[in-house]
Amino acid sequence: MRRVFNIAVLMLLAYLTVGRALTHAQAGEEGSISCEKGAEMVRLGAMGKGFSEAASSGQGQNFLSSCLVTGEARINDMVARD
């Protein structure tokens, strides 16, 4: 049973590592921007919709933290990657 658990943990680590490597490999593709640039676009978009500076900044920070945690986030037709 311990061997099965060790194999499952190893497979999970391999899956996560490969997923992260693919995300980094795709970061240079066309239509891909950095998380920071995406957060700035979200902030400016919110200000353009009439939100206050504080609310716009909060939306940008929310986008940035989500992007950094998951490794990618979408804004319009672009993908922001860590």
PDB file of N, CA and C in Angstrom:
ATOM      1  N   MET A   1       0.816  -1.189   0.000  1.00  0.00           N
ATOM      2  CA  MET A   1       0.000   0.000   0.000  1.00  0.00           C
ATOM      3  C   MET A   1       0.869   1.265   0.000  1.00  0.00           C
ATOM      4  N   ARG A   2       1.963   1.207   0.722  1.00  0.00           N
ATOM      5  CA  ARG A   2       2.860   2.359   0.775  1.00  0.00           C
ATOM      6  C   ARG A   2       3.467   2.617  -0.601  1.00  0.00           C
ATOM      7  N   ARG A   3       3.763   1.561  -1.324  1.00  0.00           N
ATOM      8  CA  ARG A   3       4.343   1.701  -2.663  1.00  0.00           C
ATOM      9  C   ARG A   3       3.355   2.389  -3.607  1.00  0.00           C
ATOM     10  N   VAL A   4       2.089   2.023  -3.521  1.00  0.00           N
ATOM     11  CA  VAL A   4       1.061   2.640  -4.361  1.00  0.00           C
ATOM     12  C   VAL A   4       0.947   4.136  -4.033  1.00  0.00           C
ATOM     13  N   PHE A   5       0.989   4.465  -2.755  1.00  0.00           N
ATOM     14  CA  PHE A   5       0.934   5.869  -2.340  1.00  0.00           C
ATOM     15  C   PHE A   5       2.124   6.646  -2.892  1.00  0.00           C
ATOM     16  N   ASN A   6       3.316   6.070  -2.786  1.00  0.00           N
ATOM     17  CA  ASN A   6       4.520   6.737  -3.293  1.00  0.00           C
ATOM     18  C   ASN A   6       4.441   6.952  -4.797  1.00  0.00           C
ATOM     19  N   ILE A   7       3.933   5.978  -5.515  1.00  0.00           N
ATOM     20  CA  ILE A   7       3.778   6.113  -6.967  1.00  0.00           C
ATOM     21  C   ILE A   7       2.764   7.212  -7.289  1.00  0.00           C
ATOM     22  N   ALA A   8       1.664   7.262  -6.538  1.00  0.00           N
ATOM     23  CA  ALA A   8       0.643   8.290  -6.765  1.00  0.00           C
ATOM     24  C   ALA A   8       1.212   9.686  -6.509  1.00  0.00           C
ATOM     25  N   VAL A   9       1.991   9.836  -5.447  1.00  0.00           N
ATOM     26  CA  VAL A   9       2.605  11.130  -5.144  1.00  0.00           C
ATOM     27  C   VAL A   9       3.585  11.517  -6.245  1.00  0.00           C
ATOM     28  N   LEU A  10       4.372  10.575  -6.701  1.00  0.00           N
ATOM     29  CA  LEU A  10       5.331  10.838  -7.772  1.00  0.00           C
ATOM     30  C   LEU A  10       4.619  11.254  -9.058  1.00  0.00           C
ATOM     31  N   MET A  11       3.519  10.586  -9.382  1.00  0.00           N
ATOM     32  CA  MET A  11       2.764  10.937 -10.589  1.00  0.00           C
ATOM     33  C   MET A  11       2.154  12.335 -10.467  1.00  0.00           C
ATOM     34  N   LEU A  12       1.664  12.676  -9.285  1.00  0.00           N
ATOM     35  CA  LEU A  12       1.102  14.007  -9.072  1.00  0.00           C
ATOM     36  C   LEU A  12       2.171  15.084  -9.230  1.00  0.00           C
ATOM     37  N   LEU A  13       3.332  14.864  -8.657  1.00  0.00           N
ATOM     38  CA  LEU A  13       4.429  15.825  -8.798  1.00  0.00           C
ATOM     39  C   LEU A  13       4.864  15.966 -10.253  1.00  0.00           C
ATOM     40  N   ALA A  14       4.928  14.859 -10.971  1.00  0.00           N
ATOM     41  CA  ALA A  14       5.298  14.910 -12.388  1.00  0.00           C
ATOM     42  C   ALA A  14       4.260  15.701 -13.184  1.00  0.00           C
ATOM     43  N   TYR A  15       2.984  15.463 -12.900  1.00  0.00           N
ATOM     44  CA  TYR A  15       1.904  16.176 -13.586  1.00  0.00           C
ATOM     45  C   TYR A  15       2.008  17.685 -13.348  1.00  0.00           C
ATOM     46  N   LEU A  16       2.206  18.074 -12.093  1.00  0.00           N
ATOM     47  CA  LEU A  16       2.308  19.497 -11.773  1.00  0.00           C
ATOM     48  C   LEU A  16       3.545  20.130 -12.390  1.00  0.00           C
ATOM     49  N   THR A  17       4.649  19.412 -12.396  1.00  0.00           N
ATOM     50  CA  THR A  17       5.890  19.930 -12.971  1.00  0.00           C
ATOM     51  C   THR A  17       5.758  20.116 -14.479  1.00  0.00           C
ATOM     52  N   VAL A  18       5.184  19.142 -15.150  1.00  0.00           N
ATOM     53  CA  VAL A  18       5.004  19.235 -16.605  1.00  0.00           C
ATOM     54  C   VAL A  18       4.042  20.372 -16.943  1.00  0.00           C
ATOM     55  N   GLY A  19       2.971  20.521 -16.177  1.00  0.00           N
ATOM     56  CA  GLY A  19       2.020  21.609 -16.415  1.00  0.00           C
ATOM     57  C   GLY A  19       2.665  22.969 -16.278  1.00  0.00           C
ATOM     58  N   ARG A  20       3.496  23.113 -15.263  1.00  0.00           N
ATOM     59  CA  ARG A  20       4.187  24.387 -15.048  1.00  0.00           C
ATOM     60  C   ARG A  20       5.201  24.647 -16.163  1.00  0.00           C
ATOM     61  N   ALA A  21       5.893  23.603 -16.599  1.00  0.00           N
ATOM     62  CA  ALA A  21       6.865  23.751 -17.685  1.00  0.00           C
ATOM     63  C   ALA A  21       6.165  24.160 -18.982  1.00  0.00           C
ATOM     64  N   LEU A  22       5.007  23.580 -19.258  1.00  0.00           N
ATOM     65  CA  LEU A  22       4.262  23.953 -20.462  1.00  0.00           C
ATOM     66  C   LEU A  22       3.783  25.400 -20.388  1.00  0.00           C
ATOM     67  N   THR A  23       3.365  25.828 -19.210  1.00  0.00           N
ATOM     68  CA  THR A  23       2.939  27.217 -19.043  1.00  0.00           C
ATOM     69  C   THR A  23       4.084  28.170 -19.340  1.00  0.00           C
ATOM     70  N   HIS A  24       5.273  27.855 -18.841  1.00  0.00           N
ATOM     71  CA  HIS A  24       6.435  28.711 -19.110  1.00  0.00           C
ATOM     72  C   HIS A  24       6.826  28.663 -20.583  1.00  0.00           C
ATOM     73  N   ALA A  25       6.686  27.514 -21.220  1.00  0.00           N
ATOM     74  CA  ALA A  25       7.029  27.403 -22.636  1.00  0.00           C
ATOM     75  C   ALA A  25       6.066  28.213 -23.499  1.00  0.00           C
ATOM     76  N   GLN A  26       4.802  28.293 -23.089  1.00  0.00           N
ATOM     77  CA  GLN A  26       3.803  29.023 -23.859  1.00  0.00           C
ATOM     78  C   GLN A  26       3.850  30.525 -23.598  1.00  0.00           C
ATOM     79  N   ALA A  27       4.621  30.950 -22.624  1.00  0.00           N
ATOM     80  CA  ALA A  27       4.645  32.368 -22.248  1.00  0.00           C
ATOM     81  C   ALA A  27       5.140  33.261 -23.377  1.00  0.00           C
ATOM     82  N   GLY A  28       5.941  32.728 -24.280  1.00  0.00           N
ATOM     83  CA  GLY A  28       6.470  33.532 -25.372  1.00  0.00           C
ATOM     84  C   GLY A  28       5.582  33.576 -26.596  1.00  0.00           C
ATOM     85  N   GLU A  29       4.437  32.897 -26.560  1.00  0.00           N
ATOM     86  CA  GLU A  29       3.559  32.862 -27.724  1.00  0.00           C
ATOM     87  C   GLU A  29       2.902  34.217 -27.962  1.00  0.00           C
ATOM     88  N   GLU A  30       2.488  34.419 -29.211  1.00  0.00           N
ATOM     89  CA  GLU A  30       1.772  35.638 -29.567  1.00  0.00           C
ATOM     90  C   GLU A  30       0.428  35.657 -28.848  1.00  0.00           C
ATOM     91  N   GLY A  31       0.010  36.803 -28.394  1.00  0.00           N
ATOM     92  CA  GLY A  31      -1.239  36.905 -27.644  1.00  0.00           C
ATOM     93  C   GLY A  31      -1.054  36.589 -26.179  1.00  0.00           C
ATOM     94  N   SER A  32       0.192  36.525 -25.749  1.00  0.00           N
ATOM     95  CA  SER A  32       0.503  36.224 -24.356  1.00  0.00           C
ATOM     96  C   SER A  32       1.190  37.435 -23.732  1.00  0.00           C
ATOM     97  N   ILE A  33       0.748  37.801 -22.538  1.00  0.00           N
ATOM     98  CA  ILE A  33       1.331  38.939 -21.834  1.00  0.00           C
ATOM     99  C   ILE A  33       1.705  38.501 -20.424  1.00  0.00           C
ATOM    100  N   SER A  34       2.435  39.343 -19.720  1.00  0.00           N
ATOM    101  CA  SER A  34       2.815  39.017 -18.345  1.00  0.00           C
ATOM    102  C   SER A  34       1.631  39.274 -17.410  1.00  0.00           C
ATOM    103  N   CYS A  35       1.680  38.663 -16.243  1.00  0.00           N
ATOM    104  CA  CYS A  35       0.635  38.871 -15.241  1.00  0.00           C
ATOM    105  C   CYS A  35       0.555  40.342 -14.838  1.00  0.00           C
ATOM    106  N   GLU A  36       1.716  40.992 -14.728  1.00  0.00           N
ATOM    107  CA  GLU A  36       1.742  42.395 -14.329  1.00  0.00           C
ATOM    108  C   GLU A  36       1.073  43.284 -15.373  1.00  0.00           C
ATOM    109  N   LYS A  37       1.346  43.012 -16.647  1.00  0.00           N
ATOM    110  CA  LYS A  37       0.733  43.790 -17.727  1.00  0.00           C
ATOM    111  C   LYS A  37      -0.777  43.553 -17.755  1.00  0.00           C
ATOM    112  N   GLY A  38      -1.190  42.312 -17.537  1.00  0.00           N
ATOM    113  CA  GLY A  38      -2.620  41.999 -17.482  1.00  0.00           C
ATOM    114  C   GLY A  38      -3.311  42.718 -16.340  1.00  0.00           C
ATOM    115  N   ALA A  39      -2.649  42.772 -15.180  1.00  0.00           N
ATOM    116  CA  ALA A  39      -3.222  43.469 -14.028  1.00  0.00           C
ATOM    117  C   ALA A  39      -3.387  44.956 -14.325  1.00  0.00           C
ATOM    118  N   GLU A  40      -2.412  45.529 -15.006  1.00  0.00           N
ATOM    119  CA  GLU A  40      -2.500  46.944 -15.374  1.00  0.00           C
ATOM    120  C   GLU A  40      -3.644  47.170 -16.364  1.00  0.00           C
ATOM    121  N   MET A  41      -3.833  46.242 -17.298  1.00  0.00           N
ATOM    122  CA  MET A  41      -4.936  46.359 -18.254  1.00  0.00           C
ATOM    123  C   MET A  41      -6.284  46.268 -17.540  1.00  0.00           C
ATOM    124  N   VAL A  42      -6.394  45.365 -16.568  1.00  0.00           N
ATOM    125  CA  VAL A  42      -7.632  45.239 -15.793  1.00  0.00           C
ATOM    126  C   VAL A  42      -7.898  46.530 -15.024  1.00  0.00           C
ATOM    127  N   ARG A  43      -6.860  47.090 -14.403  1.00  0.00           N
ATOM    128  CA  ARG A  43      -7.004  48.328 -13.635  1.00  0.00           C
ATOM    129  C   ARG A  43      -7.470  49.475 -14.529  1.00  0.00           C
ATOM    130  N   LEU A  44      -6.833  49.621 -15.680  1.00  0.00           N
ATOM    131  CA  LEU A  44      -7.213  50.699 -16.600  1.00  0.00           C
ATOM    132  C   LEU A  44      -8.617  50.485 -17.164  1.00  0.00           C
ATOM    133  N   GLY A  45      -8.960  49.237 -17.445  1.00  0.00           N
ATOM    134  CA  GLY A  45     -10.304  48.934 -17.928  1.00  0.00           C
ATOM    135  C   GLY A  45     -11.371  49.273 -16.898  1.00  0.00           C
ATOM    136  N   ALA A  46     -11.081  48.978 -15.635  1.00  0.00           N
ATOM    137  CA  ALA A  46     -12.030  49.300 -14.567  1.00  0.00           C
ATOM    138  C   ALA A  46     -12.176  50.810 -14.407  1.00  0.00           C
ATOM    139  N   MET A  47     -11.065  51.537 -14.523  1.00  0.00           N
ATOM    140  CA  MET A  47     -11.144  53.003 -14.433  1.00  0.00           C
ATOM    141  C   MET A  47     -11.947  53.561 -15.599  1.00  0.00           C
ATOM    142  N   GLY A  48     -11.794  52.954 -16.775  1.00  0.00           N
ATOM    143  CA  GLY A  48     -12.553  53.386 -17.938  1.00  0.00           C
ATOM    144  C   GLY A  48     -14.048  53.140 -17.796  1.00  0.00           C
ATOM    145  N   LYS A  49     -14.414  52.172 -16.955  1.00  0.00           N
ATOM    146  CA  LYS A  49     -15.829  51.876 -16.712  1.00  0.00           C
ATOM    147  C   LYS A  49     -16.408  52.714 -15.582  1.00  0.00           C
ATOM    148  N   GLY A  50     -15.583  53.591 -14.993  1.00  0.00           N
ATOM    149  CA  GLY A  50     -16.090  54.502 -13.980  1.00  0.00           C
ATOM    150  C   GLY A  50     -15.806  54.105 -12.545  1.00  0.00           C
ATOM    151  N   PHE A  51     -15.023  53.065 -12.319  1.00  0.00           N
ATOM    152  CA  PHE A  51     -14.678  52.684 -10.952  1.00  0.00           C
ATOM    153  C   PHE A  51     -13.672  53.675 -10.380  1.00  0.00           C
ATOM    154  N   SER A  52     -13.664  53.799  -9.065  1.00  0.00           N
ATOM    155  CA  SER A  52     -12.708  54.694  -8.408  1.00  0.00           C
ATOM    156  C   SER A  52     -11.301  54.111  -8.510  1.00  0.00           C
ATOM    157  N   GLU A  53     -10.312  54.923  -8.152  1.00  0.00           N
ATOM    158  CA  GLU A  53      -8.914  54.478  -8.182  1.00  0.00           C
ATOM    159  C   GLU A  53      -8.708  53.281  -7.258  1.00  0.00           C
ATOM    160  N   ALA A  54      -9.298  53.337  -6.065  1.00  0.00           N
ATOM    161  CA  ALA A  54      -9.138  52.243  -5.096  1.00  0.00           C
ATOM    162  C   ALA A  54      -9.783  50.955  -5.606  1.00  0.00           C
ATOM    163  N   ALA A  55     -10.978  51.063  -6.158  1.00  0.00           N
ATOM    164  CA  ALA A  55     -11.664  49.878  -6.671  1.00  0.00           C
ATOM    165  C   ALA A  55     -10.925  49.304  -7.878  1.00  0.00           C
ATOM    166  N   SER A  56     -10.446  50.162  -8.751  1.00  0.00           N
ATOM    167  CA  SER A  56      -9.698  49.712  -9.929  1.00  0.00           C
ATOM    168  C   SER A  56      -8.409  49.024  -9.521  1.00  0.00           C
ATOM    169  N   SER A  57      -7.733  49.601  -8.555  1.00  0.00           N
ATOM    170  CA  SER A  57      -6.498  49.008  -8.059  1.00  0.00           C
ATOM    171  C   SER A  57      -6.767  47.646  -7.431  1.00  0.00           C
ATOM    172  N   GLY A  58      -7.866  47.533  -6.703  1.00  0.00           N
ATOM    173  CA  GLY A  58      -8.237  46.256  -6.092  1.00  0.00           C
ATOM    174  C   GLY A  58      -8.508  45.187  -7.131  1.00  0.00           C
ATOM    175  N   GLN A  59      -9.178  45.552  -8.218  1.00  0.00           N
ATOM    176  CA  GLN A  59      -9.439  44.590  -9.283  1.00  0.00           C
ATOM    177  C   GLN A  59      -8.144  44.149  -9.952  1.00  0.00           C
ATOM    178  N   GLY A  60      -7.239  45.098 -10.154  1.00  0.00           N
ATOM    179  CA  GLY A  60      -5.946  44.757 -10.745  1.00  0.00           C
ATOM    180  C   GLY A  60      -5.143  43.832  -9.850  1.00  0.00           C
ATOM    181  N   GLN A  61      -5.150  44.105  -8.542  1.00  0.00           N
ATOM    182  CA  GLN A  61      -4.420  43.251  -7.601  1.00  0.00           C
ATOM    183  C   GLN A  61      -5.037  41.859  -7.522  1.00  0.00           C
ATOM    184  N   ASN A  62      -6.358  41.784  -7.599  1.00  0.00           N
ATOM    185  CA  ASN A  62      -7.033  40.490  -7.596  1.00  0.00           C
ATOM    186  C   ASN A  62      -6.628  39.673  -8.819  1.00  0.00           C
ATOM    187  N   PHE A  63      -6.599  40.316  -9.975  1.00  0.00           N
ATOM    188  CA  PHE A  63      -6.175  39.641 -11.199  1.00  0.00           C
ATOM    189  C   PHE A  63      -4.738  39.159 -11.072  1.00  0.00           C
ATOM    190  N   LEU A  64      -3.860  40.020 -10.557  1.00  0.00           N
ATOM    191  CA  LEU A  64      -2.448  39.678 -10.422  1.00  0.00           C
ATOM    192  C   LEU A  64      -2.250  38.491  -9.490  1.00  0.00           C
ATOM    193  N   SER A  65      -2.900  38.505  -8.340  1.00  0.00           N
ATOM    194  CA  SER A  65      -2.711  37.396  -7.404  1.00  0.00           C
ATOM    195  C   SER A  65      -3.260  36.100  -7.973  1.00  0.00           C
ATOM    196  N   SER A  66      -4.397  36.156  -8.645  1.00  0.00           N
ATOM    197  CA  SER A  66      -4.957  34.960  -9.271  1.00  0.00           C
ATOM    198  C   SER A  66      -4.027  34.429 -10.352  1.00  0.00           C
ATOM    199  N   CYS A  67      -3.478  35.323 -11.147  1.00  0.00           N
ATOM    200  CA  CYS A  67      -2.574  34.935 -12.224  1.00  0.00           C
ATOM    201  C   CYS A  67      -1.300  34.301 -11.678  1.00  0.00           C
ATOM    202  N   LEU A  68      -0.754  34.877 -10.619  1.00  0.00           N
ATOM    203  CA  LEU A  68       0.483  34.348 -10.054  1.00  0.00           C
ATOM    204  C   LEU A  68       0.266  33.002  -9.378  1.00  0.00           C
ATOM    205  N   VAL A  69      -0.894  32.799  -8.766  1.00  0.00           N
ATOM    206  CA  VAL A  69      -1.169  31.531  -8.088  1.00  0.00           C
ATOM    207  C   VAL A  69      -1.400  30.415  -9.097  1.00  0.00           C
ATOM    208  N   THR A  70      -2.213  30.671 -10.116  1.00  0.00           N
ATOM    209  CA  THR A  70      -2.548  29.620 -11.079  1.00  0.00           C
ATOM    210  C   THR A  70      -1.542  29.506 -12.218  1.00  0.00           C
ATOM    211  N   GLY A  71      -0.767  30.558 -12.454  1.00  0.00           N
ATOM    212  CA  GLY A  71       0.205  30.532 -13.538  1.00  0.00           C
ATOM    213  C   GLY A  71      -0.284  31.192 -14.804  1.00  0.00           C
ATOM    214  N   GLU A  72      -1.600  31.405 -14.915  1.00  0.00           N
ATOM    215  CA  GLU A  72      -2.141  32.108 -16.073  1.00  0.00           C
ATOM    216  C   GLU A  72      -3.534  32.631 -15.766  1.00  0.00           C
ATOM    217  N   ALA A  73      -3.949  33.639 -16.516  1.00  0.00           N
ATOM    218  CA  ALA A  73      -5.285  34.213 -16.403  1.00  0.00           C
ATOM    219  C   ALA A  73      -5.638  34.831 -17.749  1.00  0.00           C
ATOM    220  N   ARG A  74      -6.907  34.957 -18.011  1.00  0.00           N
ATOM    221  CA  ARG A  74      -7.364  35.500 -19.292  1.00  0.00           C
ATOM    222  C   ARG A  74      -7.933  36.899 -19.112  1.00  0.00           C
ATOM    223  N   ILE A  75      -7.595  37.736 -20.076  1.00  0.00           N
ATOM    224  CA  ILE A  75      -8.182  39.070 -20.152  1.00  0.00           C
ATOM    225  C   ILE A  75      -8.519  39.310 -21.617  1.00  0.00           C
ATOM    226  N   ASN A  76      -9.803  39.465 -21.893  1.00  0.00           N
ATOM    227  CA  ASN A  76     -10.309  39.578 -23.264  1.00  0.00           C
ATOM    228  C   ASN A  76      -9.844  38.373 -24.073  1.00  0.00           C
ATOM    229  N   ASP A  77      -9.123  38.587 -25.163  1.00  0.00           N
ATOM    230  CA  ASP A  77      -8.667  37.470 -25.992  1.00  0.00           C
ATOM    231  C   ASP A  77      -7.200  37.133 -25.754  1.00  0.00           C
ATOM    232  N   MET A  78      -6.613  37.694 -24.704  1.00  0.00           N
ATOM    233  CA  MET A  78      -5.206  37.444 -24.394  1.00  0.00           C
ATOM    234  C   MET A  78      -5.079  36.574 -23.150  1.00  0.00           C
ATOM    235  N   VAL A  79      -3.936  35.933 -23.047  1.00  0.00           N
ATOM    236  CA  VAL A  79      -3.630  35.109 -21.886  1.00  0.00           C
ATOM    237  C   VAL A  79      -2.437  35.727 -21.180  1.00  0.00           C
ATOM    238  N   ALA A  80      -2.605  35.996 -19.900  1.00  0.00           N
ATOM    239  CA  ALA A  80      -1.499  36.500 -19.079  1.00  0.00           C
ATOM    240  C   ALA A  80      -0.863  35.308 -18.391  1.00  0.00           C
ATOM    241  N   ARG A  81       0.458  35.226 -18.467  1.00  0.00           N
ATOM    242  CA  ARG A  81       1.167  34.100 -17.866  1.00  0.00           C
ATOM    243  C   ARG A  81       2.254  34.606 -16.945  1.00  0.00           C
ATOM    244  N   ASP A  82       2.502  33.797 -15.921  1.00  0.00           N
ATOM    245  CA  ASP A  82       3.538  34.088 -14.925  1.00  0.00           C
ATOM    246  C   ASP A  82       4.903  33.932 -15.546  1.00  0.00           C
TER     247      ASP A  82
END
